[in-house]
Amino acid sequence: MIKDQQTMRENKKKACKISKKNKLPITRTHTFRFLRNILQ
């Protein structure tokens, strides 16, 4: 049980890192589009 909980925590951390990495470029592109629309 203890080992399972440890692996679960590690997987959660990995998932968080992956989601953060995926979210950053998406928000960047969104802000770029938003700024482009304002400038046009």
C-alpha atoms as a PDB file:
ATOM      1  CA  MET A   1       0.000   0.000   0.000  1.00  0.00           C
ATOM      2  CA  ILE A   2       2.754   2.473   0.950  1.00  0.00           C
ATOM      3  CA  LYS A   3       4.610   1.810  -2.313  1.00  0.00           C
ATOM      4  CA  ASP A   4       1.406   2.304  -4.311  1.00  0.00           C
ATOM      5  CA  GLN A   5       0.803   5.656  -2.605  1.00  0.00           C
ATOM      6  CA  GLN A   6       4.368   6.760  -3.398  1.00  0.00           C
ATOM      7  CA  THR A   7       4.023   5.853  -7.067  1.00  0.00           C
ATOM      8  CA  MET A   8       0.638   7.623  -7.181  1.00  0.00           C
ATOM      9  CA  ARG A   9       2.243  10.809  -5.798  1.00  0.00           C
ATOM     10  CA  GLU A  10       5.103  10.567  -8.307  1.00  0.00           C
ATOM     11  CA  ASN A  11       2.648  10.071 -11.162  1.00  0.00           C
ATOM     12  CA  LYS A  12       0.629  13.082 -10.004  1.00  0.00           C
ATOM     13  CA  LYS A  13       3.787  15.224  -9.919  1.00  0.00           C
ATOM     14  CA  LYS A  14       4.731  14.046 -13.412  1.00  0.00           C
ATOM     15  CA  ALA A  15       1.223  14.754 -14.684  1.00  0.00           C
ATOM     16  CA  CYS A  16       1.325  18.244 -13.149  1.00  0.00           C
ATOM     17  CA  LYS A  17       4.675  18.977 -14.810  1.00  0.00           C
ATOM     18  CA  ILE A  18       3.397  17.727 -18.163  1.00  0.00           C
ATOM     19  CA  SER A  19       0.166  19.731 -17.916  1.00  0.00           C
ATOM     20  CA  LYS A  20       2.134  22.867 -16.945  1.00  0.00           C
ATOM     21  CA  LYS A  21       4.462  22.393 -19.919  1.00  0.00           C
ATOM     22  CA  ASN A  22       1.479  21.931 -22.230  1.00  0.00           C
ATOM     23  CA  LYS A  23      -0.437  24.894 -20.804  1.00  0.00           C
ATOM     24  CA  LEU A  24       2.383  27.445 -21.188  1.00  0.00           C
ATOM     25  CA  PRO A  25       2.701  27.403 -24.991  1.00  0.00           C
ATOM     26  CA  ILE A  26      -1.087  27.334 -25.378  1.00  0.00           C
ATOM     27  CA  THR A  27      -1.518  30.484 -23.266  1.00  0.00           C
ATOM     28  CA  ARG A  28       1.341  32.135 -25.174  1.00  0.00           C
ATOM     29  CA  THR A  29      -0.303  31.506 -28.532  1.00  0.00           C
ATOM     30  CA  HIS A  30      -3.620  32.758 -27.140  1.00  0.00           C
ATOM     31  CA  THR A  31      -2.064  36.003 -25.901  1.00  0.00           C
ATOM     32  CA  PHE A  32      -0.262  36.438 -29.222  1.00  0.00           C
ATOM     33  CA  ARG A  33      -3.534  36.065 -31.133  1.00  0.00           C
ATOM     34  CA  PHE A  34      -5.274  38.405 -28.697  1.00  0.00           C
ATOM     35  CA  LEU A  35      -2.593  41.095 -29.112  1.00  0.00           C
ATOM     36  CA  ARG A  36      -2.591  40.631 -32.888  1.00  0.00           C
ATOM     37  CA  ASN A  37      -6.363  41.162 -32.988  1.00  0.00           C
ATOM     38  CA  ILE A  38      -6.036  44.361 -30.936  1.00  0.00           C
ATOM     39  CA  LEU A  39      -3.219  45.726 -33.138  1.00  0.00           C
ATOM     40  CA  GLN A  40      -5.154  45.026 -36.325  1.00  0.00           C
END
